[in-house]
Amino acid sequence: MSIEEMSPPQLLAELRAVAAERARLDAREVRLLARFSALRTDLARGVDYASDEVAAELAWTPVAASRRVGIAVAMTDRLPDTVRALECGVLDLQKSSVIAEYTRVLDDAKAAVVEAAVLKFAPGRTVRQIRDKLAREILKVDPEGAETRRQRAVQDTFVRFRPCPDGMAELLVHDRAENLRPTYDLLTAAARRAKAAGNPASTGELRAQALRDLVLGSRRERVVTELRITVPASALAGASRLPVEIHGYGPATVQTLHELATSGNVFWRRIVTDPMTGAVLDIGRRRRHTWALGEHVRTRDRHCVFPGCTRTAEDSQIDHTTDHAHGGPTAEANLGVLCQHHNLMKQATTWRLHQPEPGRFVWTSPTGTTHHVTPEPLTEPDEQSVTSPGESSAAIVALDRGDEAAARWPVLDRRGAA
């Protein structure tokens, strides 16, 4: 029977069957990942890069692969009944993963007690309900450990930045509840005062504004920001409206750059690209001297060159593809961006890295599988571009000599406000 012919009860029954089949396959994946990790882990040397090999093979990010492999190992080693419940469709992968994550702080015996109580409770429950149950059961079996973990948890505080669509981003703060709750209440109070004063913006928008004012100052006087901006030469010369790219964020509109250009506390580093190929033509220099070759490699690669790794170039290292000690030259064709983790992996395992041409990398895994990393153009090539070399050069020179009129994006001057 086709889906179009099914009645609502039949559709729901089919959804249940699909969920059960997915759970069965997820359980098989858990066992496969755990077994692969066991074969790849060198306990004597403390080396475990199994998740990186999985990431390259399945086009996952290394972070996602590490999490999946870690959960798989925990479930097969310590929570066999949870794996069986997943296999039978009693739990889905998200719920079983929550059990593995919460019980990792317990020894094997206590983890088994909590697992038994939660599995009895779990059928028909939501992820949130299972999390709450886990928290209660862990407090029951290990109250002393719970207090110790609470005191140590401050070491896991962090602030993270995540780009979002449409020019937005998220700032995730992980800290003690007694610190963040008053902060949130303070922002809420500021938003309500602004509302009472007649500000028509939403409460959420006003909270965000209050946070910006607290951190940056109402006129952003507390911070000077350096932005690395990649600009197609055609857009720089006013011949196209191609998107630009803010390093560490992603594509942005020319209007976004125009608004940033009017901010006195933003320091620009201009990167001009060929509109036909996206290749780098010119990199603006800061007033303080920097290593030009390193800047070129960071701009070219943008992030760690291991397959799927998204660690930015600014947070990574410039590494010799062929080790300098083995005769590798310090040249563009032998340099690439590697995060610390993948730099160590390259040194400590049988992974091999080759750079057949500048910016193109070939990784060979311990099983002999090759993974090609080809640099994406910094900007989208523009086949319709009518920019002449003279126009591009003139725009570059205007910016290099500090011409403020040119620096305010000639594309806007020539075509009007966006």
Protein backbone atom coordinates (compact mmCIF):
# COMPACT_ATOMS: atom_id res chain seq x y z
CA MET A 1 0.00 0.00 0.00
CA SER A 2 1.36 3.44 -0.92
CA ILE A 3 1.64 6.21 1.66
CA GLU A 4 -1.01 8.21 -0.20
CA GLU A 5 -3.50 5.37 0.27
CA MET A 6 -2.97 4.97 4.03
CA SER A 7 -5.51 6.11 6.61
CA PRO A 8 -4.39 8.05 9.71
CA PRO A 9 -4.27 4.89 11.89
CA GLN A 10 -2.24 3.10 9.21
CA LEU A 11 0.16 6.02 8.92
CA LEU A 12 0.73 6.02 12.69
CA ALA A 13 1.29 2.26 12.67
CA GLU A 14 3.84 2.65 9.88
CA LEU A 15 5.60 5.41 11.81
CA ARG A 16 5.88 3.08 14.81
CA ALA A 17 7.33 0.37 12.57
CA VAL A 18 9.85 2.80 11.08
CA ALA A 19 10.87 3.96 14.57
CA ALA A 20 11.40 0.35 15.67
CA GLU A 21 13.48 -0.43 12.60
CA ARG A 22 15.55 2.72 13.05
CA ALA A 23 16.20 1.77 16.69
CA ARG A 24 17.35 -1.69 15.61
CA LEU A 25 19.77 -0.20 13.09
CA ASP A 26 20.98 2.35 15.64
CA ALA A 27 21.76 -0.49 18.05
CA ARG A 28 23.78 -2.21 15.34
CA GLU A 29 25.65 1.04 14.69
CA VAL A 30 26.41 1.31 18.42
CA ARG A 31 27.94 -2.19 18.40
CA LEU A 32 29.92 -1.44 15.22
CA LEU A 33 31.33 1.81 16.58
CA ALA A 34 32.29 0.21 19.88
CA ARG A 35 34.03 -2.68 18.15
CA PHE A 36 35.92 -0.36 15.81
CA SER A 37 37.06 1.72 18.77
CA ALA A 38 38.32 -1.40 20.54
CA LEU A 39 40.37 -2.37 17.50
CA ARG A 40 41.86 1.09 17.09
CA THR A 41 42.59 2.06 20.71
CA ASP A 42 46.16 1.61 21.93
CA LEU A 43 45.76 1.55 25.71
CA ALA A 44 49.49 1.18 26.33
CA ARG A 45 50.26 4.42 24.49
CA GLY A 46 47.03 6.18 25.45
CA VAL A 47 46.23 6.74 21.77
CA ASP A 48 42.64 6.68 20.53
CA TYR A 49 41.86 8.30 17.20
CA ALA A 50 39.11 5.88 16.19
CA SER A 51 36.50 8.61 16.04
CA ASP A 52 38.59 10.64 13.58
CA GLU A 53 38.70 7.70 11.19
CA VAL A 54 34.94 7.29 11.52
CA ALA A 55 34.43 11.02 10.94
CA ALA A 56 36.42 10.94 7.71
CA GLU A 57 34.66 7.82 6.47
CA LEU A 58 31.10 8.98 7.17
CA ALA A 59 31.56 12.74 6.56
CA TRP A 60 30.79 13.57 10.20
CA THR A 61 32.54 16.33 12.08
CA PRO A 62 35.22 14.99 14.44
CA VAL A 63 33.28 16.37 17.41
CA ALA A 64 30.10 14.54 16.41
CA ALA A 65 32.01 11.34 15.72
CA SER A 66 33.81 11.52 19.06
CA ARG A 67 30.51 11.87 20.87
CA ARG A 68 28.91 8.97 18.99
CA VAL A 69 31.87 6.66 19.52
CA GLY A 70 32.11 7.61 23.20
CA ILE A 71 28.44 6.87 23.80
CA ALA A 72 28.70 3.58 21.88
CA VAL A 73 31.64 2.43 24.00
CA ALA A 74 29.90 3.42 27.24
CA MET A 75 26.69 1.63 26.28
CA THR A 76 28.31 -1.64 25.19
CA ASP A 77 30.80 -1.75 28.07
CA ARG A 78 28.57 -0.66 30.96
CA LEU A 79 24.93 -0.60 29.88
CA PRO A 80 24.15 -3.84 28.01
CA ASP A 81 20.47 -3.72 28.94
CA THR A 82 20.18 -0.25 27.42
CA VAL A 83 21.63 -1.55 24.14
CA ARG A 84 19.12 -4.41 24.18
CA ALA A 85 16.25 -1.98 24.88
CA LEU A 86 17.39 0.07 21.89
CA GLU A 87 17.63 -3.06 19.77
CA CYS A 88 14.06 -4.02 20.69
CA GLY A 89 12.67 -0.54 19.99
CA VAL A 90 11.80 0.18 23.63
CA LEU A 91 14.13 3.19 23.49
CA ASP A 92 15.36 5.33 20.63
CA LEU A 93 18.97 6.44 20.21
CA GLN A 94 18.42 9.84 21.82
CA LYS A 95 16.94 8.36 24.99
CA SER A 96 19.54 5.62 25.29
CA SER A 97 22.31 8.18 24.73
CA VAL A 98 20.96 10.26 27.61
CA ILE A 99 21.24 7.24 29.90
CA ALA A 100 24.86 6.72 28.83
CA GLU A 101 25.74 10.39 29.32
CA TYR A 102 24.19 10.70 32.76
CA THR A 103 25.60 7.46 34.16
CA ARG A 104 29.19 8.08 32.99
CA VAL A 105 29.91 9.73 36.36
CA LEU A 106 29.06 6.53 38.27
CA ASP A 107 31.04 3.37 38.84
CA ASP A 108 29.82 0.22 37.08
CA ALA A 109 27.80 -1.10 40.03
CA LYS A 110 25.93 2.15 40.64
CA ALA A 111 25.41 2.68 36.91
CA ALA A 112 23.72 -0.74 36.73
CA VAL A 113 21.35 0.19 39.57
CA VAL A 114 20.37 3.46 37.91
CA GLU A 115 20.03 1.77 34.51
CA ALA A 116 17.60 -0.80 35.90
CA ALA A 117 15.41 1.83 37.54
CA VAL A 118 15.35 4.08 34.47
CA LEU A 119 14.67 1.29 31.97
CA LYS A 120 11.66 0.25 34.02
CA PHE A 121 10.42 3.84 33.93
CA ALA A 122 11.38 4.78 30.34
CA PRO A 123 8.74 3.20 28.03
CA GLY A 124 6.37 5.89 26.81
CA ARG A 125 8.36 8.69 28.48
CA THR A 126 9.91 11.75 26.84
CA VAL A 127 13.60 12.60 26.87
CA ARG A 128 12.98 15.33 29.46
CA GLN A 129 11.16 12.91 31.76
CA ILE A 130 13.99 10.40 31.44
CA ARG A 131 16.57 13.10 32.26
CA ASP A 132 14.66 14.04 35.40
CA LYS A 133 14.40 10.39 36.43
CA LEU A 134 18.12 9.88 35.89
CA ALA A 135 18.96 12.90 38.02
CA ARG A 136 16.78 11.61 40.88
CA GLU A 137 18.17 8.08 40.73
CA ILE A 138 21.78 9.28 40.62
CA LEU A 139 21.19 11.40 43.72
CA LYS A 140 19.74 8.34 45.46
CA VAL A 141 22.64 6.00 44.77
CA ASP A 142 25.49 8.51 45.03
CA PRO A 143 24.63 11.58 47.14
CA GLU A 144 28.24 12.21 48.21
CA GLY A 145 29.50 11.95 44.66
CA ALA A 146 26.77 14.30 43.46
CA GLU A 147 28.00 17.03 45.80
CA THR A 148 31.63 16.49 44.74
CA ARG A 149 30.63 16.72 41.09
CA ARG A 150 28.70 19.92 41.77
CA GLN A 151 31.81 21.50 43.25
CA ARG A 152 33.97 20.35 40.34
CA ALA A 153 31.48 21.42 37.69
CA VAL A 154 32.79 24.98 37.73
CA GLN A 155 35.81 23.65 35.82
CA ASP A 156 33.52 22.87 32.88
CA THR A 157 32.23 26.42 32.46
CA PHE A 158 32.59 27.89 28.99
CA VAL A 159 31.36 30.45 26.49
CA ARG A 160 30.86 29.36 22.88
CA PHE A 161 29.94 31.16 19.68
CA ARG A 162 27.78 29.55 16.99
CA PRO A 163 26.84 31.16 13.65
CA CYS A 164 23.15 31.05 12.66
CA PRO A 165 21.36 31.89 9.39
CA ASP A 166 20.43 35.40 8.25
CA GLY A 167 23.36 37.19 9.81
CA MET A 168 22.58 35.98 13.34
CA ALA A 169 24.59 34.01 15.89
CA GLU A 170 24.29 32.41 19.31
CA LEU A 171 26.49 32.93 22.37
CA LEU A 172 26.18 29.92 24.67
CA VAL A 173 27.24 30.41 28.28
CA HIS A 174 27.62 27.38 30.54
CA ASP A 175 28.09 28.37 34.18
CA ARG A 176 26.70 27.76 37.64
CA ALA A 177 22.98 28.33 37.91
CA GLU A 178 23.46 30.73 40.82
CA ASN A 179 25.53 32.94 38.49
CA LEU A 180 23.40 32.79 35.39
CA ARG A 181 19.95 33.10 36.95
CA PRO A 182 20.64 36.56 38.42
CA THR A 183 22.22 37.59 35.10
CA TYR A 184 19.09 36.53 33.23
CA ASP A 185 16.86 38.31 35.76
CA LEU A 186 18.95 41.47 35.40
CA LEU A 187 18.54 41.42 31.62
CA THR A 188 14.81 40.79 32.00
CA ALA A 189 14.45 43.73 34.38
CA ALA A 190 16.30 45.99 31.92
CA ALA A 191 14.05 44.80 29.09
CA ARG A 192 10.91 45.52 31.13
CA ARG A 193 12.14 49.01 31.97
CA ALA A 194 12.72 49.68 28.30
CA LYS A 195 9.22 48.36 27.53
CA ALA A 196 7.70 50.59 30.17
CA ALA A 197 9.53 53.56 28.63
CA GLY A 198 7.81 52.87 25.32
CA ASN A 199 10.36 50.78 23.41
CA PRO A 200 8.31 48.70 20.91
CA ALA A 201 10.87 45.90 20.55
CA SER A 202 10.14 42.41 21.88
CA THR A 203 11.32 41.37 25.34
CA GLY A 204 13.80 38.95 23.79
CA GLU A 205 15.29 41.68 21.61
CA LEU A 206 15.53 44.03 24.56
CA ARG A 207 17.28 41.40 26.69
CA ALA A 208 19.86 40.97 23.92
CA GLN A 209 20.32 44.72 23.71
CA ALA A 210 20.79 44.95 27.48
CA LEU A 211 23.46 42.24 27.32
CA ARG A 212 25.30 44.05 24.53
CA ASP A 213 25.22 47.30 26.50
CA LEU A 214 26.54 45.60 29.63
CA VAL A 215 29.41 43.88 27.85
CA LEU A 216 30.33 46.27 25.04
CA GLY A 217 29.02 49.57 26.39
CA SER A 218 26.06 51.42 24.97
CA ARG A 219 28.29 52.86 22.22
CA ARG A 220 30.50 49.76 21.98
CA GLU A 221 33.27 51.85 23.49
CA ARG A 222 34.62 48.92 25.52
CA VAL A 223 35.87 46.82 22.66
CA VAL A 224 37.74 47.15 19.38
CA THR A 225 36.96 44.29 16.99
CA GLU A 226 39.11 43.05 14.14
CA LEU A 227 37.11 41.54 11.28
CA ARG A 228 38.65 39.46 8.49
CA ILE A 229 36.46 40.17 5.48
CA THR A 230 36.75 38.32 2.17
CA VAL A 231 35.52 40.44 -0.73
CA PRO A 232 35.15 39.51 -4.43
CA ALA A 233 37.12 42.02 -6.47
CA SER A 234 34.01 42.63 -8.60
CA ALA A 235 32.03 43.69 -5.52
CA LEU A 236 34.92 45.84 -4.35
CA ALA A 237 34.95 47.62 -7.72
CA GLY A 238 31.16 48.05 -7.73
CA ALA A 239 30.52 45.64 -10.63
CA SER A 240 28.57 42.95 -8.76
CA ARG A 241 26.52 42.31 -5.63
CA LEU A 242 28.19 39.02 -4.73
CA PRO A 243 28.07 38.12 -1.02
CA VAL A 244 31.16 38.71 1.09
CA GLU A 245 32.40 36.48 3.90
CA ILE A 246 33.19 37.30 7.52
CA HIS A 247 35.80 34.85 8.76
CA GLY A 248 34.61 32.85 11.73
CA TYR A 249 30.99 33.47 10.74
CA GLY A 250 30.27 32.88 7.05
CA PRO A 251 28.60 34.62 4.09
CA ALA A 252 27.08 38.05 4.62
CA THR A 253 25.40 40.68 2.49
CA VAL A 254 27.18 43.79 1.25
CA GLN A 255 24.70 45.84 3.31
CA THR A 256 25.95 44.05 6.44
CA LEU A 257 29.47 45.13 5.58
CA HIS A 258 28.27 48.68 4.95
CA GLU A 259 26.76 48.79 8.45
CA LEU A 260 29.95 47.40 9.98
CA ALA A 261 32.02 49.96 8.09
CA THR A 262 30.20 52.78 9.86
CA SER A 263 31.22 51.41 13.27
CA GLY A 264 34.27 53.24 14.55
CA ASN A 265 35.44 50.31 16.70
CA VAL A 266 35.85 47.74 13.93
CA PHE A 267 39.34 47.19 12.51
CA TRP A 268 39.26 45.87 8.94
CA ARG A 269 41.48 43.28 7.35
CA ARG A 270 40.52 43.17 3.71
CA ILE A 271 40.94 39.97 1.62
CA VAL A 272 40.25 40.41 -2.10
CA THR A 273 39.40 37.41 -4.31
CA ASP A 274 39.24 36.76 -8.03
CA PRO A 275 35.54 36.90 -9.02
CA MET A 276 36.02 34.11 -11.58
CA THR A 277 37.75 31.55 -9.35
CA GLY A 278 37.37 32.70 -5.74
CA ALA A 279 41.18 32.57 -5.31
CA VAL A 280 42.90 35.09 -3.04
CA LEU A 281 44.26 38.13 -4.90
CA ASP A 282 45.35 40.38 -2.07
CA ILE A 283 45.46 40.42 1.72
CA GLY A 284 45.37 43.72 3.57
CA ARG A 285 48.15 44.26 6.06
CA ARG A 286 47.68 45.32 9.62
CA ARG A 287 49.71 48.26 10.84
CA ARG A 288 51.76 45.84 12.89
CA HIS A 289 53.85 43.47 10.86
CA THR A 290 52.60 39.85 10.60
CA TRP A 291 54.05 36.79 8.96
CA ALA A 292 52.66 37.16 5.43
CA LEU A 293 52.98 33.50 4.51
CA GLY A 294 51.11 32.41 7.63
CA GLU A 295 48.37 34.92 6.91
CA HIS A 296 48.07 33.59 3.36
CA VAL A 297 47.79 29.95 4.51
CA ARG A 298 45.21 30.79 7.20
CA THR A 299 43.16 32.73 4.68
CA ARG A 300 43.39 29.98 2.09
CA ASP A 301 42.45 27.09 4.40
CA ARG A 302 40.12 28.92 6.82
CA HIS A 303 39.89 25.91 9.17
CA CYS A 304 41.67 22.68 10.06
CA VAL A 305 42.20 20.67 6.87
CA PHE A 306 41.23 17.29 8.36
CA PRO A 307 38.01 16.06 6.69
CA GLY A 308 35.00 17.55 8.45
CA CYS A 309 36.94 19.49 11.10
CA THR A 310 35.54 22.98 11.64
CA ARG A 311 38.16 24.35 14.05
CA THR A 312 38.94 27.79 12.65
CA ALA A 313 42.37 28.77 11.37
CA GLU A 314 42.63 31.39 14.09
CA ASP A 315 42.28 28.65 16.73
CA SER A 316 44.60 26.19 14.99
CA GLN A 317 48.27 25.82 14.08
CA ILE A 318 50.14 26.14 10.79
CA ASP A 319 51.82 22.80 10.25
CA HIS A 320 54.34 21.43 7.75
CA THR A 321 52.63 18.75 5.65
CA THR A 322 55.99 17.03 5.22
CA ASP A 323 57.77 17.56 8.52
CA HIS A 324 60.47 20.18 8.52
CA ALA A 325 62.77 17.65 10.19
CA HIS A 326 62.32 15.37 7.16
CA GLY A 327 63.24 18.07 4.68
CA GLY A 328 59.82 19.67 4.25
CA PRO A 329 60.18 23.31 3.14
CA THR A 330 58.50 26.24 4.83
CA ALA A 331 56.51 27.17 1.73
CA GLU A 332 52.87 27.55 0.78
CA ALA A 333 52.78 24.15 -0.92
CA ASN A 334 53.97 22.43 2.28
CA LEU A 335 51.96 24.31 4.88
CA GLY A 336 48.40 23.80 6.09
CA VAL A 337 46.15 24.58 9.02
CA LEU A 338 45.74 21.80 11.58
CA CYS A 339 44.03 21.95 14.97
CA GLN A 340 46.10 20.63 17.87
CA HIS A 341 44.16 17.35 17.97
CA HIS A 342 44.73 16.48 14.31
CA ASN A 343 48.31 17.71 14.41
CA LEU A 344 48.99 15.24 17.22
CA MET A 345 47.09 12.52 15.38
CA LYS A 346 49.27 13.03 12.31
CA GLN A 347 52.37 12.57 14.46
CA ALA A 348 51.18 9.71 16.67
CA THR A 349 49.39 7.37 14.24
CA THR A 350 49.74 5.86 10.79
CA TRP A 351 47.54 8.54 9.21
CA ARG A 352 49.45 10.11 6.31
CA LEU A 353 49.01 13.57 4.81
CA HIS A 354 50.02 14.70 1.33
CA GLN A 355 49.57 18.12 -0.31
CA PRO A 356 49.83 17.56 -4.09
CA GLU A 357 49.25 21.25 -4.77
CA PRO A 358 48.84 24.28 -2.51
CA GLY A 359 45.61 24.02 -0.54
CA ARG A 360 44.63 20.53 -1.72
CA PHE A 361 45.17 17.80 0.88
CA VAL A 362 45.01 14.01 0.65
CA TRP A 363 44.70 12.06 3.89
CA THR A 364 45.33 8.32 3.96
CA SER A 365 43.76 6.48 6.89
CA PRO A 366 45.28 3.48 8.70
CA THR A 367 43.08 1.22 6.55
CA GLY A 368 44.45 2.77 3.35
CA THR A 369 41.34 4.79 2.51
CA THR A 370 42.09 8.17 0.97
CA HIS A 371 40.13 11.31 1.79
CA HIS A 372 40.54 14.38 -0.40
CA VAL A 373 40.13 17.86 1.03
CA THR A 374 39.82 20.43 -1.73
CA PRO A 375 39.72 24.09 -0.78
CA GLU A 376 36.44 25.79 -1.47
CA PRO A 377 36.65 29.23 -3.07
CA LEU A 378 36.63 31.96 -0.47
CA THR A 379 33.80 33.57 -2.43
CA GLU A 380 31.40 32.19 -5.02
CA PRO A 381 32.87 32.52 -8.53
CA ASP A 382 30.97 35.06 -10.65
CA GLU A 383 30.73 33.92 -14.25
CA GLN A 384 28.86 37.10 -15.15
CA SER A 385 31.47 39.41 -13.69
CA VAL A 386 32.43 42.33 -15.91
CA THR A 387 35.19 43.61 -13.64
CA SER A 388 38.36 44.44 -15.49
CA PRO A 389 41.79 43.94 -13.90
CA GLY A 390 42.18 47.73 -13.86
CA GLU A 391 38.99 48.22 -11.87
CA SER A 392 40.03 45.60 -9.31
CA SER A 393 43.51 47.04 -8.96
CA ALA A 394 42.17 50.57 -8.55
CA ALA A 395 39.83 49.47 -5.77
CA ILE A 396 42.63 47.62 -3.99
CA VAL A 397 44.97 50.62 -4.19
CA ALA A 398 42.23 52.92 -2.90
CA LEU A 399 41.78 50.76 0.18
CA ASP A 400 45.50 50.31 0.77
CA ARG A 401 46.16 54.03 0.83
CA GLY A 402 43.40 54.46 3.43
CA ASP A 403 40.88 56.28 1.20
CA GLU A 404 37.86 56.38 3.53
CA ALA A 405 35.43 57.00 0.69
CA ALA A 406 36.61 53.87 -1.09
CA ALA A 407 36.74 51.94 2.18
CA ARG A 408 33.03 52.57 2.70
CA TRP A 409 32.34 50.05 -0.04
CA PRO A 410 32.34 51.60 -3.54
CA VAL A 411 29.65 49.12 -4.53
CA LEU A 412 27.23 51.19 -2.48
CA ASP A 413 28.50 54.49 -3.89
CA ARG A 414 28.07 53.33 -7.47
CA ARG A 415 24.76 51.57 -7.17
CA GLY A 416 23.07 53.38 -4.37
CA ALA A 417 22.10 52.17 -0.93
CA ALA A 418 21.15 48.50 -0.70
